[in-house]
Amino acid sequence: MTESADGRYMRCVIKSFKHDGSLHRVWLENWQVPADRLLPGLDSRTVWVLINEHTTVQESNGREWSSRVPAVTYFFPERWYNVVALLEEEGVRYYCNLASPPYRYGDVLTYIDYDLDVVVLADGTAMELDRDEYDAHKATYRYGEAVEERVEAELLALRKDIEAGEFPFDDSTARLFYQQWKEQMKAEGGTQAT
């Protein structure tokens, strides 16, 4: 992944696609945490951290909306899921997408969304979402046995990570990444500082 040589946050567009290559959703303004601002024990080769706040989101049908809460998103180049920490007033809610490993070229990060999700509420309750959508799309898009096996294996790994309560399911880490970014944007007079 391209990183800033001077330790500055880099702007990035996130695009998710369906298995057939059709566009699913685009988050227009995100900021990558530079390697030198990752916490000890984290490595930019194994996790990419992106932050957004009130970013415009475009759906494949052209509809646009704005995210309502700040988000810290963790992408793992070796994993088939990503985790979005939604910083809500009542606590941090984690939205986990079963998805292909991310790929980045220039200022665009892409991945394939496999529809199956897990949400972890602020009280720690975890719920699987959209199994019916996943089942319908695996036939429609012809995921194939290898993809289906990988998605199910990664779902089990994700559930173990959630139960362990370790990174990235750590509220204080998500809030720290967000606060550091917010302070940097204010210092630079960035458009995201509010």
Protein backbone atom coordinates (compact mmCIF):
# COMPACT_ATOMS: atom_id res chain seq x y z
CA MET A 1 0.00 0.00 0.00
CA THR A 2 1.25 3.44 -0.85
CA GLU A 3 2.32 5.33 2.25
CA SER A 4 3.19 8.92 2.93
CA ALA A 5 6.94 9.49 3.03
CA ASP A 6 6.55 12.38 5.49
CA GLY A 7 4.21 10.75 8.01
CA ARG A 8 1.13 12.64 6.79
CA TYR A 9 -2.33 11.18 6.44
CA MET A 10 -3.03 10.26 2.82
CA ARG A 11 -6.41 10.78 1.23
CA CYS A 12 -8.03 7.67 -0.24
CA VAL A 13 -11.25 6.59 -1.98
CA ILE A 14 -12.70 3.21 -0.95
CA LYS A 15 -14.62 1.23 -3.58
CA SER A 16 -16.40 -2.04 -2.92
CA PHE A 17 -17.43 -4.32 -5.77
CA LYS A 18 -19.55 -7.42 -6.17
CA HIS A 19 -18.00 -10.72 -7.23
CA ASP A 20 -18.86 -10.09 -10.90
CA GLY A 21 -16.91 -6.80 -10.89
CA SER A 22 -19.93 -4.51 -10.69
CA LEU A 23 -19.61 -1.50 -8.42
CA HIS A 24 -21.33 -1.81 -5.04
CA ARG A 25 -20.48 1.32 -3.00
CA VAL A 26 -17.91 4.16 -2.85
CA TRP A 27 -16.71 6.14 0.17
CA LEU A 28 -15.27 9.33 -1.30
CA GLU A 29 -13.07 10.77 1.43
CA ASN A 30 -10.97 8.65 3.76
CA TRP A 31 -7.59 9.17 5.34
CA GLN A 32 -4.93 6.49 5.81
CA VAL A 33 -3.10 6.49 9.12
CA PRO A 34 0.64 6.74 8.34
CA ALA A 35 2.87 3.84 9.44
CA ASP A 36 4.64 5.98 12.03
CA ARG A 37 1.30 6.66 13.76
CA LEU A 38 0.26 3.03 14.08
CA LEU A 39 0.35 1.74 17.63
CA PRO A 40 3.22 -0.46 18.84
CA GLY A 41 2.74 -4.01 17.64
CA LEU A 42 0.88 -2.95 14.49
CA ASP A 43 2.58 -3.07 11.11
CA SER A 44 1.47 -1.36 7.91
CA ARG A 45 2.17 -4.62 6.07
CA THR A 46 -0.53 -6.44 8.06
CA VAL A 47 -3.14 -3.73 8.72
CA TRP A 48 -4.20 -0.56 6.93
CA VAL A 49 -6.15 1.90 9.05
CA LEU A 50 -8.40 4.47 7.36
CA ILE A 51 -10.54 7.15 8.96
CA ASN A 52 -13.53 9.09 7.70
CA GLU A 53 -16.08 11.48 9.11
CA HIS A 54 -19.28 12.57 7.38
CA THR A 55 -17.92 11.33 4.07
CA THR A 56 -20.12 11.15 1.01
CA VAL A 57 -21.09 7.59 0.11
CA GLN A 58 -22.26 6.70 -3.40
CA GLU A 59 -24.38 3.63 -4.01
CA SER A 60 -24.20 1.69 -7.29
CA ASN A 61 -27.59 3.13 -8.30
CA GLY A 62 -26.22 6.70 -8.03
CA ARG A 63 -27.88 7.53 -4.72
CA GLU A 64 -25.64 9.54 -2.37
CA TRP A 65 -25.73 9.91 1.38
CA SER A 66 -23.36 11.08 4.10
CA SER A 67 -22.02 8.88 6.88
CA ARG A 68 -23.42 10.09 10.18
CA VAL A 69 -20.66 9.10 12.61
CA PRO A 70 -16.86 8.97 12.45
CA ALA A 71 -15.45 5.62 11.37
CA VAL A 72 -12.10 3.91 11.77
CA THR A 73 -11.76 1.08 9.26
CA TYR A 74 -9.24 -1.74 9.51
CA PHE A 75 -8.21 -3.55 6.33
CA PHE A 76 -6.07 -6.68 6.56
CA PRO A 77 -4.13 -7.58 3.39
CA GLU A 78 -4.11 -11.27 4.36
CA ARG A 79 -7.69 -11.60 5.66
CA TRP A 80 -11.06 -11.97 3.98
CA TYR A 81 -12.82 -9.44 6.18
CA ASN A 82 -12.56 -5.79 7.15
CA VAL A 83 -13.78 -4.10 10.31
CA VAL A 84 -15.38 -0.68 10.61
CA ALA A 85 -15.39 0.84 14.11
CA LEU A 86 -18.32 3.28 14.19
CA LEU A 87 -17.73 5.86 16.92
CA GLU A 88 -21.25 6.46 18.19
CA GLU A 89 -22.30 8.45 21.24
CA GLU A 90 -23.46 5.34 23.11
CA GLY A 91 -20.21 3.49 22.36
CA VAL A 92 -18.29 1.87 19.55
CA ARG A 93 -20.21 -0.41 17.20
CA TYR A 94 -18.19 -2.69 14.91
CA TYR A 95 -19.48 -3.55 11.47
CA CYS A 96 -17.53 -6.44 9.96
CA ASN A 97 -17.70 -7.18 6.24
CA LEU A 98 -16.78 -10.59 4.86
CA ALA A 99 -14.79 -9.45 1.85
CA SER A 100 -11.78 -10.18 -0.28
CA PRO A 101 -8.42 -8.87 0.88
CA PRO A 102 -8.06 -5.20 -0.08
CA TYR A 103 -6.09 -3.97 -3.06
CA ARG A 104 -4.79 -0.44 -3.42
CA TYR A 105 -3.59 1.38 -6.49
CA GLY A 106 -2.73 5.05 -6.10
CA ASP A 107 -5.34 6.73 -3.95
CA VAL A 108 -8.04 4.05 -4.47
CA LEU A 109 -8.57 1.02 -2.22
CA THR A 110 -10.82 -1.75 -3.53
CA TYR A 111 -12.28 -5.02 -2.30
CA ILE A 112 -15.05 -7.49 -3.17
CA ASP A 113 -17.98 -7.48 -0.75
CA TYR A 114 -19.39 -10.95 -0.11
CA ASP A 115 -22.58 -9.67 1.58
CA LEU A 116 -22.20 -11.63 4.81
CA ASP A 117 -21.65 -9.32 7.80
CA VAL A 118 -21.27 -9.42 11.56
CA VAL A 119 -22.17 -6.47 13.78
CA VAL A 120 -20.81 -6.12 17.30
CA LEU A 121 -22.88 -3.78 19.44
CA ALA A 122 -21.42 -1.48 22.09
CA ASP A 123 -22.45 -3.99 24.78
CA GLY A 124 -20.41 -6.74 23.05
CA THR A 125 -23.37 -8.60 21.51
CA ALA A 126 -22.38 -10.03 18.11
CA MET A 127 -24.94 -10.82 15.40
CA GLU A 128 -24.56 -12.28 11.93
CA LEU A 129 -26.36 -10.30 9.23
CA ASP A 130 -27.43 -10.89 5.64
CA ARG A 131 -27.00 -14.68 5.43
CA ASP A 132 -29.96 -14.74 3.04
CA GLU A 133 -28.32 -12.14 0.79
CA TYR A 134 -25.05 -14.10 0.83
CA ASP A 135 -26.87 -17.34 -0.05
CA ALA A 136 -28.73 -15.67 -2.93
CA HIS A 137 -25.62 -13.96 -4.30
CA LYS A 138 -23.36 -17.02 -4.13
CA ALA A 139 -25.69 -18.58 -6.72
CA THR A 140 -26.24 -15.38 -8.73
CA TYR A 141 -22.56 -14.47 -8.90
CA ARG A 142 -21.29 -18.08 -8.92
CA TYR A 143 -18.83 -17.68 -6.07
CA GLY A 144 -17.52 -21.20 -6.46
CA GLU A 145 -16.48 -23.71 -3.84
CA ALA A 146 -13.07 -22.14 -3.08
CA VAL A 147 -14.59 -18.72 -2.37
CA GLU A 148 -17.45 -20.18 -0.32
CA GLU A 149 -15.01 -22.23 1.80
CA ARG A 150 -12.77 -19.21 2.34
CA VAL A 151 -15.66 -16.94 3.35
CA GLU A 152 -16.97 -19.51 5.86
CA ALA A 153 -13.46 -20.10 7.28
CA GLU A 154 -12.89 -16.36 7.65
CA LEU A 155 -16.29 -15.98 9.33
CA LEU A 156 -15.15 -18.49 11.97
CA ALA A 157 -11.82 -16.67 12.40
CA LEU A 158 -13.65 -13.35 12.70
CA ARG A 159 -15.96 -14.74 15.39
CA LYS A 160 -12.92 -15.97 17.37
CA ASP A 161 -11.32 -12.52 17.10
CA ILE A 162 -14.55 -10.93 18.34
CA GLU A 163 -14.82 -13.34 21.28
CA ALA A 164 -11.19 -12.70 22.24
CA GLY A 165 -11.87 -8.96 22.32
CA GLU A 166 -8.45 -8.18 20.94
CA PHE A 167 -7.40 -5.80 18.19
CA PRO A 168 -9.25 -4.46 16.30
CA PHE A 169 -12.13 -4.89 18.76
CA ASP A 170 -10.72 -2.38 21.22
CA ASP A 171 -12.72 0.81 21.66
CA SER A 172 -9.82 2.84 23.06
CA THR A 173 -7.63 2.05 20.03
CA ALA A 174 -10.31 3.19 17.57
CA ARG A 175 -10.91 6.38 19.55
CA LEU A 176 -7.16 7.07 19.75
CA PHE A 177 -6.72 6.72 15.97
CA TYR A 178 -9.66 9.05 15.42
CA GLN A 179 -8.45 11.64 17.95
CA GLN A 180 -4.90 11.71 16.49
CA TRP A 181 -6.32 12.22 13.00
CA LYS A 182 -8.70 14.94 14.19
CA GLU A 183 -5.87 16.82 15.89
CA GLN A 184 -3.69 16.56 12.76
CA MET A 185 -6.51 17.83 10.53
CA LYS A 186 -7.05 20.81 12.85
CA ALA A 187 -3.33 21.56 12.91
CA GLU A 188 -3.21 21.49 9.11
CA GLY A 189 -6.46 23.41 8.72
CA GLY A 190 -7.85 20.37 6.90
CA THR A 191 -11.39 20.27 5.55
CA GLN A 192 -12.26 17.37 7.84
CA ALA A 193 -11.65 19.28 11.07
CA THR A 194 -15.02 20.24 12.57
